[in-house]
């Protein structure tokens, strides 16, 4: 990843530079799942694992999401979710790293 790609992601998402690591992680995750001519039109993921990647779970960097607040951490009339933004994707699962807007 070139630094201009990451700068562009952060600028477009209107995020401060402190999120550079998450931007890089997100960009590399997606790059490993995009076809490339140097691998005979395979993805790097496919070249390693010998099966095409499942990309149905992908979210746009800085997508607005709502995360569930567990029952044990809220009272009866409290909101059931809180708003956040997607920063990156976990390598080993389909979980996301989310920045919670209210609690920072």
PDB file of N, CA and C in Angstrom:
ATOM      1  N   UNK A   1       0.833  -1.177   0.000  1.00  0.00           N
ATOM      2  CA  UNK A   1       0.000   0.000   0.000  1.00  0.00           C
ATOM      3  C   UNK A   1       0.876   1.238   0.000  1.00  0.00           C
ATOM      4  N   UNK A   2       0.559   2.137  -0.822  1.00  0.00           N
ATOM      5  CA  UNK A   2       1.279   3.400  -0.884  1.00  0.00           C
ATOM      6  C   UNK A   2       0.641   4.372   0.092  1.00  0.00           C
ATOM      7  N   UNK A   3       1.463   5.223   0.701  1.00  0.00           N
ATOM      8  CA  UNK A   3       0.941   6.145   1.716  1.00  0.00           C
ATOM      9  C   UNK A   3      -0.140   7.075   1.175  1.00  0.00           C
ATOM     10  N   UNK A   4      -0.111   7.362  -0.127  1.00  0.00           N
ATOM     11  CA  UNK A   4      -1.142   8.241  -0.687  1.00  0.00           C
ATOM     12  C   UNK A   4      -2.513   7.561  -0.681  1.00  0.00           C
ATOM     13  N   UNK A   5      -2.544   6.218  -0.810  1.00  0.00           N
ATOM     14  CA  UNK A   5      -3.819   5.497  -0.733  1.00  0.00           C
ATOM     15  C   UNK A   5      -4.429   5.660   0.665  1.00  0.00           C
ATOM     16  N   UNK A   6      -3.597   5.490   1.661  1.00  0.00           N
ATOM     17  CA  UNK A   6      -4.073   5.573   3.046  1.00  0.00           C
ATOM     18  C   UNK A   6      -4.508   7.002   3.362  1.00  0.00           C
ATOM     19  N   UNK A   7      -3.716   7.984   2.929  1.00  0.00           N
ATOM     20  CA  UNK A   7      -4.076   9.385   3.142  1.00  0.00           C
ATOM     21  C   UNK A   7      -5.417   9.691   2.494  1.00  0.00           C
ATOM     22  N   UNK A   8      -5.618   9.169   1.297  1.00  0.00           N
ATOM     23  CA  UNK A   8      -6.875   9.384   0.581  1.00  0.00           C
ATOM     24  C   UNK A   8      -8.045   8.755   1.336  1.00  0.00           C
ATOM     25  N   UNK A   9      -7.858   7.530   1.846  1.00  0.00           N
ATOM     26  CA  UNK A   9      -8.918   6.862   2.612  1.00  0.00           C
ATOM     27  C   UNK A   9      -9.297   7.688   3.839  1.00  0.00           C
ATOM     28  N   UNK A  10      -8.293   8.155   4.576  1.00  0.00           N
ATOM     29  CA  UNK A  10      -8.556   8.923   5.789  1.00  0.00           C
ATOM     30  C   UNK A  10      -9.208  10.261   5.468  1.00  0.00           C
ATOM     31  N   UNK A  11      -8.756  10.915   4.409  1.00  0.00           N
ATOM     32  CA  UNK A  11      -9.317  12.208   4.028  1.00  0.00           C
ATOM     33  C   UNK A  11     -10.754  12.061   3.561  1.00  0.00           C
ATOM     34  N   UNK A  12     -11.006  11.068   2.712  1.00  0.00           N
ATOM     35  CA  UNK A  12     -12.352  10.837   2.199  1.00  0.00           C
ATOM     36  C   UNK A  12     -13.322  10.486   3.333  1.00  0.00           C
ATOM     37  N   UNK A  13     -12.836   9.718   4.293  1.00  0.00           N
ATOM     38  CA  UNK A  13     -13.667   9.313   5.431  1.00  0.00           C
ATOM     39  C   UNK A  13     -13.748  10.394   6.497  1.00  0.00           C
ATOM     40  N   UNK A  14     -12.984  11.486   6.319  1.00  0.00           N
ATOM     41  CA  UNK A  14     -12.963  12.580   7.283  1.00  0.00           C
ATOM     42  C   UNK A  14     -12.528  12.094   8.669  1.00  0.00           C
ATOM     43  N   UNK A  15     -11.471  11.272   8.682  1.00  0.00           N
ATOM     44  CA  UNK A  15     -10.937  10.726   9.927  1.00  0.00           C
ATOM     45  C   UNK A  15      -9.543  11.280  10.187  1.00  0.00           C
ATOM     46  N   UNK A  16      -9.152  11.416  11.458  1.00  0.00           N
ATOM     47  CA  UNK A  16      -7.805  11.899  11.778  1.00  0.00           C
ATOM     48  C   UNK A  16      -6.737  10.845  11.464  1.00  0.00           C
ATOM     49  N   UNK A  17      -5.494  11.288  11.398  1.00  0.00           N
ATOM     50  CA  UNK A  17      -4.386  10.401  11.052  1.00  0.00           C
ATOM     51  C   UNK A  17      -4.143   9.304  12.087  1.00  0.00           C
ATOM     52  N   UNK A  18      -4.680   9.452  13.286  1.00  0.00           N
ATOM     53  CA  UNK A  18      -4.465   8.412  14.300  1.00  0.00           C
ATOM     54  C   UNK A  18      -5.066   7.060  13.890  1.00  0.00           C
ATOM     55  N   UNK A  19      -5.930   7.054  12.874  1.00  0.00           N
ATOM     56  CA  UNK A  19      -6.533   5.811  12.393  1.00  0.00           C
ATOM     57  C   UNK A  19      -5.786   5.224  11.198  1.00  0.00           C
ATOM     58  N   UNK A  20      -4.521   5.615  10.992  1.00  0.00           N
ATOM     59  CA  UNK A  20      -3.759   5.146   9.834  1.00  0.00           C
ATOM     60  C   UNK A  20      -3.576   3.635   9.838  1.00  0.00           C
ATOM     61  N   UNK A  21      -3.356   3.032  10.991  1.00  0.00           N
ATOM     62  CA  UNK A  21      -3.132   1.578  11.053  1.00  0.00           C
ATOM     63  C   UNK A  21      -4.392   0.816  10.632  1.00  0.00           C
ATOM     64  N   UNK A  22      -5.548   1.272  11.068  1.00  0.00           N
ATOM     65  CA  UNK A  22      -6.796   0.630  10.683  1.00  0.00           C
ATOM     66  C   UNK A  22      -7.047   0.783   9.187  1.00  0.00           C
ATOM     67  N   UNK A  23      -6.725   1.956   8.631  1.00  0.00           N
ATOM     68  CA  UNK A  23      -6.890   2.179   7.187  1.00  0.00           C
ATOM     69  C   UNK A  23      -5.995   1.239   6.387  1.00  0.00           C
ATOM     70  N   UNK A  24      -4.749   1.073   6.816  1.00  0.00           N
ATOM     71  CA  UNK A  24      -3.827   0.155   6.135  1.00  0.00           C
ATOM     72  C   UNK A  24      -4.359  -1.270   6.222  1.00  0.00           C
ATOM     73  N   UNK A  25      -4.765  -1.668   7.393  1.00  0.00           N
ATOM     74  CA  UNK A  25      -5.270  -3.035   7.582  1.00  0.00           C
ATOM     75  C   UNK A  25      -6.471  -3.297   6.680  1.00  0.00           C
ATOM     76  N   UNK A  26      -7.387  -2.357   6.614  1.00  0.00           N
ATOM     77  CA  UNK A  26      -8.587  -2.514   5.780  1.00  0.00           C
ATOM     78  C   UNK A  26      -8.205  -2.606   4.298  1.00  0.00           C
ATOM     79  N   UNK A  27      -7.299  -1.738   3.864  1.00  0.00           N
ATOM     80  CA  UNK A  27      -6.872  -1.721   2.461  1.00  0.00           C
ATOM     81  C   UNK A  27      -6.161  -3.009   2.074  1.00  0.00           C
ATOM     82  N   UNK A  28      -5.299  -3.512   2.931  1.00  0.00           N
ATOM     83  CA  UNK A  28      -4.572  -4.753   2.639  1.00  0.00           C
ATOM     84  C   UNK A  28      -5.534  -5.944   2.621  1.00  0.00           C
ATOM     85  N   UNK A  29      -6.477  -5.964   3.550  1.00  0.00           N
ATOM     86  CA  UNK A  29      -7.466  -7.039   3.589  1.00  0.00           C
ATOM     87  C   UNK A  29      -8.206  -7.118   2.252  1.00  0.00           C
ATOM     88  N   UNK A  30      -8.631  -5.970   1.744  1.00  0.00           N
ATOM     89  CA  UNK A  30      -9.358  -5.942   0.471  1.00  0.00           C
ATOM     90  C   UNK A  30      -8.428  -6.277  -0.693  1.00  0.00           C
ATOM     91  N   UNK A  31      -7.211  -5.746  -0.686  1.00  0.00           N
ATOM     92  CA  UNK A  31      -6.246  -6.032  -1.767  1.00  0.00           C
ATOM     93  C   UNK A  31      -5.967  -7.520  -1.904  1.00  0.00           C
ATOM     94  N   UNK A  32      -5.965  -8.232  -0.803  1.00  0.00           N
ATOM     95  CA  UNK A  32      -5.723  -9.675  -0.844  1.00  0.00           C
ATOM     96  C   UNK A  32      -6.911 -10.464  -1.390  1.00  0.00           C
ATOM     97  N   UNK A  33      -8.020  -9.785  -1.618  1.00  0.00           N
ATOM     98  CA  UNK A  33      -9.224 -10.441  -2.123  1.00  0.00           C
ATOM     99  C   UNK A  33      -9.657  -9.912  -3.487  1.00  0.00           C
ATOM    100  N   UNK A  34      -8.750  -9.196  -4.164  1.00  0.00           N
ATOM    101  CA  UNK A  34      -9.012  -8.631  -5.487  1.00  0.00           C
ATOM    102  C   UNK A  34      -8.144  -9.359  -6.511  1.00  0.00           C
ATOM    103  N   UNK A  35      -8.736  -9.653  -7.669  1.00  0.00           N
ATOM    104  CA  UNK A  35      -7.998 -10.351  -8.718  1.00  0.00           C
ATOM    105  C   UNK A  35      -6.811  -9.533  -9.196  1.00  0.00           C
ATOM    106  N   UNK A  36      -5.719 -10.231  -9.527  1.00  0.00           N
ATOM    107  CA  UNK A  36      -4.521  -9.571 -10.015  1.00  0.00           C
ATOM    108  C   UNK A  36      -3.946 -10.339 -11.204  1.00  0.00           C
ATOM    109  N   UNK A  37      -3.467  -9.623 -12.190  1.00  0.00           N
ATOM    110  CA  UNK A  37      -2.950 -10.261 -13.402  1.00  0.00           C
ATOM    111  C   UNK A  37      -1.647 -11.010 -13.139  1.00  0.00           C
ATOM    112  N   UNK A  38      -0.878 -10.596 -12.144  1.00  0.00           N
ATOM    113  CA  UNK A  38       0.390 -11.292 -11.877  1.00  0.00           C
ATOM    114  C   UNK A  38       0.188 -12.671 -11.254  1.00  0.00           C
ATOM    115  N   UNK A  39      -1.028 -13.000 -10.873  1.00  0.00           N
ATOM    116  CA  UNK A  39      -1.352 -14.345 -10.359  1.00  0.00           C
ATOM    117  C   UNK A  39      -2.317 -15.059 -11.299  1.00  0.00           C
ATOM    118  N   UNK A  40      -2.210 -14.760 -12.598  1.00  0.00           N
ATOM    119  CA  UNK A  40      -3.096 -15.366 -13.602  1.00  0.00           C
ATOM    120  C   UNK A  40      -4.564 -15.148 -13.246  1.00  0.00           C
ATOM    121  N   UNK A  41      -4.896 -13.909 -12.924  1.00  0.00           N
ATOM    122  CA  UNK A  41      -6.263 -13.501 -12.589  1.00  0.00           C
ATOM    123  C   UNK A  41      -6.865 -14.277 -11.420  1.00  0.00           C
ATOM    124  N   UNK A  42      -6.025 -14.526 -10.429  1.00  0.00           N
ATOM    125  CA  UNK A  42      -6.477 -15.094  -9.157  1.00  0.00           C
ATOM    126  C   UNK A  42      -6.281 -14.019  -8.091  1.00  0.00           C
ATOM    127  N   UNK A  43      -6.924 -14.194  -6.970  1.00  0.00           N
ATOM    128  CA  UNK A  43      -6.683 -13.305  -5.846  1.00  0.00           C
ATOM    129  C   UNK A  43      -5.518 -13.869  -5.029  1.00  0.00           C
ATOM    130  N   UNK A  44      -4.779 -13.033  -4.296  1.00  0.00           N
ATOM    131  CA  UNK A  44      -3.744 -13.566  -3.410  1.00  0.00           C
ATOM    132  C   UNK A  44      -4.318 -14.576  -2.404  1.00  0.00           C
ATOM    133  N   UNK A  45      -5.517 -14.306  -1.912  1.00  0.00           N
ATOM    134  CA  UNK A  45      -6.185 -15.229  -0.990  1.00  0.00           C
ATOM    135  C   UNK A  45      -6.361 -16.597  -1.655  1.00  0.00           C
ATOM    136  N   UNK A  46      -6.826 -16.593  -2.894  1.00  0.00           N
ATOM    137  CA  UNK A  46      -7.063 -17.825  -3.644  1.00  0.00           C
ATOM    138  C   UNK A  46      -5.764 -18.569  -3.912  1.00  0.00           C
ATOM    139  N   UNK A  47      -4.690 -17.846  -4.167  1.00  0.00           N
ATOM    140  CA  UNK A  47      -3.392 -18.465  -4.423  1.00  0.00           C
ATOM    141  C   UNK A  47      -2.885 -19.209  -3.188  1.00  0.00           C
ATOM    142  N   UNK A  48      -3.195 -18.685  -2.017  1.00  0.00           N
ATOM    143  CA  UNK A  48      -2.730 -19.317  -0.773  1.00  0.00           C
ATOM    144  C   UNK A  48      -3.663 -20.446  -0.332  1.00  0.00           C
ATOM    145  N   UNK A  49      -4.965 -20.179  -0.303  1.00  0.00           N
ATOM    146  CA  UNK A  49      -5.922 -21.131   0.266  1.00  0.00           C
ATOM    147  C   UNK A  49      -6.608 -22.032  -0.759  1.00  0.00           C
ATOM    148  N   UNK A  50      -6.322 -21.820  -2.038  1.00  0.00           N
ATOM    149  CA  UNK A  50      -6.843 -22.642  -3.135  1.00  0.00           C
ATOM    150  C   UNK A  50      -8.370 -22.668  -3.224  1.00  0.00           C
ATOM    151  N   UNK A  51      -8.990 -21.583  -2.811  1.00  0.00           N
ATOM    152  CA  UNK A  51     -10.434 -21.394  -2.969  1.00  0.00           C
ATOM    153  C   UNK A  51     -10.711 -19.897  -3.021  1.00  0.00           C
ATOM    154  N   UNK A  52     -11.729 -19.497  -3.755  1.00  0.00           N
ATOM    155  CA  UNK A  52     -12.013 -18.062  -3.848  1.00  0.00           C
ATOM    156  C   UNK A  52     -12.486 -17.508  -2.505  1.00  0.00           C
ATOM    157  N   UNK A  53     -12.157 -16.250  -2.227  1.00  0.00           N
ATOM    158  CA  UNK A  53     -12.567 -15.664  -0.948  1.00  0.00           C
ATOM    159  C   UNK A  53     -14.051 -15.336  -0.929  1.00  0.00           C
ATOM    160  N   UNK A  54     -14.636 -15.411   0.237  1.00  0.00           N
ATOM    161  CA  UNK A  54     -16.018 -14.967   0.435  1.00  0.00           C
ATOM    162  C   UNK A  54     -15.959 -13.487   0.785  1.00  0.00           C
ATOM    163  N   UNK A  55     -16.519 -12.653  -0.067  1.00  0.00           N
ATOM    164  CA  UNK A  55     -16.476 -11.213   0.190  1.00  0.00           C
ATOM    165  C   UNK A  55     -17.858 -10.646   0.511  1.00  0.00           C
ATOM    166  N   UNK A  56     -18.804 -11.503   0.824  1.00  0.00           N
ATOM    167  CA  UNK A  56     -20.172 -11.054   1.089  1.00  0.00           C
ATOM    168  C   UNK A  56     -20.278 -10.201   2.356  1.00  0.00           C
ATOM    169  N   UNK A  57     -19.290 -10.296   3.236  1.00  0.00           N
ATOM    170  CA  UNK A  57     -19.324  -9.574   4.499  1.00  0.00           C
ATOM    171  C   UNK A  57     -18.624  -8.214   4.447  1.00  0.00           C
ATOM    172  N   UNK A  58     -18.017  -7.864   3.328  1.00  0.00           N
ATOM    173  CA  UNK A  58     -17.237  -6.627   3.257  1.00  0.00           C
ATOM    174  C   UNK A  58     -18.091  -5.388   3.492  1.00  0.00           C
ATOM    175  N   UNK A  59     -17.522  -4.450   4.209  1.00  0.00           N
ATOM    176  CA  UNK A  59     -18.139  -3.151   4.468  1.00  0.00           C
ATOM    177  C   UNK A  59     -17.185  -2.068   3.972  1.00  0.00           C
ATOM    178  N   UNK A  60     -17.737  -0.951   3.591  1.00  0.00           N
ATOM    179  CA  UNK A  60     -16.936   0.191   3.164  1.00  0.00           C
ATOM    180  C   UNK A  60     -16.242   0.800   4.386  1.00  0.00           C
ATOM    181  N   UNK A  61     -14.962   1.171   4.219  1.00  0.00           N
ATOM    182  CA  UNK A  61     -14.225   1.843   5.278  1.00  0.00           C
ATOM    183  C   UNK A  61     -15.010   3.073   5.719  1.00  0.00           C
ATOM    184  N   UNK A  62     -15.252   3.193   6.973  1.00  0.00           N
ATOM    185  CA  UNK A  62     -15.997   4.278   7.616  1.00  0.00           C
ATOM    186  C   UNK A  62     -17.513   4.191   7.416  1.00  0.00           C
ATOM    187  N   UNK A  63     -18.024   2.994   7.146  1.00  0.00           N
ATOM    188  CA  UNK A  63     -19.473   2.797   7.090  1.00  0.00           C
ATOM    189  C   UNK A  63     -20.069   3.025   8.471  1.00  0.00           C
ATOM    190  N   UNK A  64     -21.245   3.589   8.488  1.00  0.00           N
ATOM    191  CA  UNK A  64     -21.956   3.802   9.738  1.00  0.00           C
ATOM    192  C   UNK A  64     -22.654   2.501  10.137  1.00  0.00           C
ATOM    193  N   UNK A  65     -22.441   2.053  11.367  1.00  0.00           N
ATOM    194  CA  UNK A  65     -23.039   0.807  11.857  1.00  0.00           C
ATOM    195  C   UNK A  65     -23.627   1.035  13.246  1.00  0.00           C
ATOM    196  N   UNK A  66     -24.450   0.097  13.672  1.00  0.00           N
ATOM    197  CA  UNK A  66     -24.989   0.090  15.027  1.00  0.00           C
ATOM    198  C   UNK A  66     -24.538  -1.204  15.685  1.00  0.00           C
ATOM    199  N   UNK A  67     -23.904  -1.075  16.850  1.00  0.00           N
ATOM    200  CA  UNK A  67     -23.441  -2.258  17.578  1.00  0.00           C
ATOM    201  C   UNK A  67     -24.380  -2.531  18.750  1.00  0.00           C
ATOM    202  N   UNK A  68     -24.640  -3.798  18.978  1.00  0.00           N
ATOM    203  CA  UNK A  68     -25.550  -4.208  20.045  1.00  0.00           C
ATOM    204  C   UNK A  68     -24.903  -4.022  21.410  1.00  0.00           C
ATOM    205  N   UNK A  69     -25.630  -3.449  22.328  1.00  0.00           N
ATOM    206  CA  UNK A  69     -25.198  -3.343  23.721  1.00  0.00           C
ATOM    207  C   UNK A  69     -25.800  -4.550  24.446  1.00  0.00           C
ATOM    208  N   UNK A  70     -24.969  -5.398  25.048  1.00  0.00           N
ATOM    209  CA  UNK A  70     -25.501  -6.592  25.726  1.00  0.00           C
ATOM    210  C   UNK A  70     -26.490  -6.241  26.836  1.00  0.00           C
ATOM    211  N   UNK A  71     -27.438  -7.133  27.079  1.00  0.00           N
ATOM    212  CA  UNK A  71     -28.450  -6.920  28.125  1.00  0.00           C
ATOM    213  C   UNK A  71     -27.817  -6.598  29.475  1.00  0.00           C
ATOM    214  N   UNK A  72     -26.690  -7.227  29.758  1.00  0.00           N
ATOM    215  CA  UNK A  72     -26.042  -7.052  31.066  1.00  0.00           C
ATOM    216  C   UNK A  72     -25.423  -5.662  31.234  1.00  0.00           C
ATOM    217  N   UNK A  73     -25.285  -4.917  30.138  1.00  0.00           N
ATOM    218  CA  UNK A  73     -24.648  -3.597  30.212  1.00  0.00           C
ATOM    219  C   UNK A  73     -25.632  -2.448  29.993  1.00  0.00           C
ATOM    220  N   UNK A  74     -26.921  -2.756  30.069  1.00  0.00           N
ATOM    221  CA  UNK A  74     -27.916  -1.690  29.911  1.00  0.00           C
ATOM    222  C   UNK A  74     -29.106  -1.948  30.815  1.00  0.00           C
ATOM    223  N   UNK A  75     -29.821  -0.866  31.098  1.00  0.00           N
ATOM    224  CA  UNK A  75     -31.041  -0.957  31.899  1.00  0.00           C
ATOM    225  C   UNK A  75     -32.223  -1.120  30.970  1.00  0.00           C
ATOM    226  N   UNK A  76     -33.395  -1.327  31.543  1.00  0.00           N
ATOM    227  CA  UNK A  76     -34.591  -1.656  30.771  1.00  0.00           C
ATOM    228  C   UNK A  76     -34.908  -0.668  29.657  1.00  0.00           C
ATOM    229  N   UNK A  77     -34.830   0.624  29.891  1.00  0.00           N
ATOM    230  CA  UNK A  77     -35.216   1.617  28.899  1.00  0.00           C
ATOM    231  C   UNK A  77     -34.029   2.244  28.155  1.00  0.00           C
ATOM    232  N   UNK A  78     -32.822   1.738  28.393  1.00  0.00           N
ATOM    233  CA  UNK A  78     -31.638   2.236  27.681  1.00  0.00           C
ATOM    234  C   UNK A  78     -31.663   1.772  26.232  1.00  0.00           C
ATOM    235  N   UNK A  79     -30.974   2.488  25.340  1.00  0.00           N
ATOM    236  CA  UNK A  79     -30.898   2.052  23.941  1.00  0.00           C
ATOM    237  C   UNK A  79     -30.240   0.672  23.834  1.00  0.00           C
ATOM    238  N   UNK A  80     -30.653  -0.105  22.836  1.00  0.00           N
ATOM    239  CA  UNK A  80     -30.109  -1.442  22.635  1.00  0.00           C
ATOM    240  C   UNK A  80     -28.866  -1.453  21.754  1.00  0.00           C
ATOM    241  N   UNK A  81     -28.567  -0.312  21.114  1.00  0.00           N
ATOM    242  CA  UNK A  81     -27.381  -0.258  20.254  1.00  0.00           C
ATOM    243  C   UNK A  81     -26.731   1.108  20.356  1.00  0.00           C
ATOM    244  N   UNK A  82     -25.512   1.171  19.857  1.00  0.00           N
ATOM    245  CA  UNK A  82     -24.815   2.446  19.791  1.00  0.00           C
ATOM    246  C   UNK A  82     -24.182   2.597  18.416  1.00  0.00           C
ATOM    247  N   UNK A  83     -24.064   3.841  17.981  1.00  0.00           N
ATOM    248  CA  UNK A  83     -23.582   4.118  16.641  1.00  0.00           C
ATOM    249  C   UNK A  83     -22.055   4.117  16.607  1.00  0.00           C
ATOM    250  N   UNK A  84     -21.518   3.566  15.511  1.00  0.00           N
ATOM    251  CA  UNK A  84     -20.072   3.549  15.326  1.00  0.00           C
ATOM    252  C   UNK A  84     -19.728   3.542  13.852  1.00  0.00           C
ATOM    253  N   UNK A  85     -18.432   3.543  13.561  1.00  0.00           N
ATOM    254  CA  UNK A  85     -17.974   3.479  12.178  1.00  0.00           C
ATOM    255  C   UNK A  85     -17.000   2.324  12.010  1.00  0.00           C
ATOM    256  N   UNK A  86     -17.090   1.645  10.871  1.00  0.00           N
ATOM    257  CA  UNK A  86     -16.214   0.517  10.560  1.00  0.00           C
ATOM    258  C   UNK A  86     -14.821   1.041  10.256  1.00  0.00           C
ATOM    259  N   UNK A  87     -13.812   0.485  10.946  1.00  0.00           N
ATOM    260  CA  UNK A  87     -12.431   0.875  10.688  1.00  0.00           C
ATOM    261  C   UNK A  87     -11.641  -0.218   9.987  1.00  0.00           C
ATOM    262  N   UNK A  88     -11.832  -1.465  10.368  1.00  0.00           N
ATOM    263  CA  UNK A  88     -11.114  -2.549   9.705  1.00  0.00           C
ATOM    264  C   UNK A  88     -11.814  -3.873   9.981  1.00  0.00           C
ATOM    265  N   UNK A  89     -11.309  -4.917   9.323  1.00  0.00           N
ATOM    266  CA  UNK A  89     -11.910  -6.238   9.395  1.00  0.00           C
ATOM    267  C   UNK A  89     -10.917  -7.184  10.053  1.00  0.00           C
ATOM    268  N   UNK A  90     -11.408  -8.091  10.885  1.00  0.00           N
ATOM    269  CA  UNK A  90     -10.554  -9.085  11.520  1.00  0.00           C
ATOM    270  C   UNK A  90     -10.104 -10.116  10.488  1.00  0.00           C
ATOM    271  N   UNK A  91      -8.860 -10.524  10.541  1.00  0.00           N
ATOM    272  CA  UNK A  91      -8.327 -11.503   9.591  1.00  0.00           C
ATOM    273  C   UNK A  91      -8.893 -12.905   9.776  1.00  0.00           C
ATOM    274  N   UNK A  92      -9.240 -13.255  10.997  1.00  0.00           N
ATOM    275  CA  UNK A  92      -9.621 -14.633  11.304  1.00  0.00           C
ATOM    276  C   UNK A  92     -11.112 -14.865  11.442  1.00  0.00           C
ATOM    277  N   UNK A  93     -11.899 -13.822  11.317  1.00  0.00           N
ATOM    278  CA  UNK A  93     -13.353 -13.968  11.418  1.00  0.00           C
ATOM    279  C   UNK A  93     -14.002 -12.873  10.574  1.00  0.00           C
ATOM    280  N   UNK A  94     -15.304 -12.790  10.639  1.00  0.00           N
ATOM    281  CA  UNK A  94     -16.001 -11.738   9.899  1.00  0.00           C
ATOM    282  C   UNK A  94     -16.361 -10.572  10.815  1.00  0.00           C
ATOM    283  N   UNK A  95     -15.607 -10.424  11.896  1.00  0.00           N
ATOM    284  CA  UNK A  95     -15.827  -9.338  12.848  1.00  0.00           C
ATOM    285  C   UNK A  95     -15.166  -8.062  12.346  1.00  0.00           C
ATOM    286  N   UNK A  96     -15.675  -6.936  12.804  1.00  0.00           N
ATOM    287  CA  UNK A  96     -15.154  -5.633  12.420  1.00  0.00           C
ATOM    288  C   UNK A  96     -14.596  -4.909  13.623  1.00  0.00           C
ATOM    289  N   UNK A  97     -13.608  -4.079  13.378  1.00  0.00           N
ATOM    290  CA  UNK A  97     -13.120  -3.157  14.397  1.00  0.00           C
ATOM    291  C   UNK A  97     -13.937  -1.887  14.205  1.00  0.00           C
ATOM    292  N   UNK A  98     -14.665  -1.495  15.238  1.00  0.00           N
ATOM    293  CA  UNK A  98     -15.613  -0.381  15.149  1.00  0.00           C
ATOM    294  C   UNK A  98     -15.221   0.704  16.144  1.00  0.00           C
ATOM    295  N   UNK A  99     -15.230   1.941  15.678  1.00  0.00           N
ATOM    296  CA  UNK A  99     -14.995   3.092  16.540  1.00  0.00           C
ATOM    297  C   UNK A  99     -16.352   3.599  16.991  1.00  0.00           C
ATOM    298  N   UNK A 100     -16.613   3.545  18.297  1.00  0.00           N
ATOM    299  CA  UNK A 100     -17.901   3.988  18.835  1.00  0.00           C
ATOM    300  C   UNK A 100     -17.896   5.503  18.958  1.00  0.00           C
ATOM    301  N   UNK A 101     -18.844   6.145  18.311  1.00  0.00           N
ATOM    302  CA  UNK A 101     -18.863   7.599  18.203  1.00  0.00           C
ATOM    303  C   UNK A 101     -19.118   8.292  19.545  1.00  0.00           C
ATOM    304  N   UNK A 102     -20.038   7.755  20.339  1.00  0.00           N
ATOM    305  CA  UNK A 102     -20.407   8.409  21.600  1.00  0.00           C
ATOM    306  C   UNK A 102     -19.298   8.279  22.647  1.00  0.00           C
ATOM    307  N   UNK A 103     -18.751   7.102  22.812  1.00  0.00           N
ATOM    308  CA  UNK A 103     -17.755   6.883  23.869  1.00  0.00           C
ATOM    309  C   UNK A 103     -16.317   7.075  23.389  1.00  0.00           C
ATOM    310  N   UNK A 104     -16.133   7.233  22.063  1.00  0.00           N
ATOM    311  CA  UNK A 104     -14.815   7.420  21.455  1.00  0.00           C
ATOM    312  C   UNK A 104     -13.930   6.211  21.714  1.00  0.00           C
TER     313      UNK A 104
END
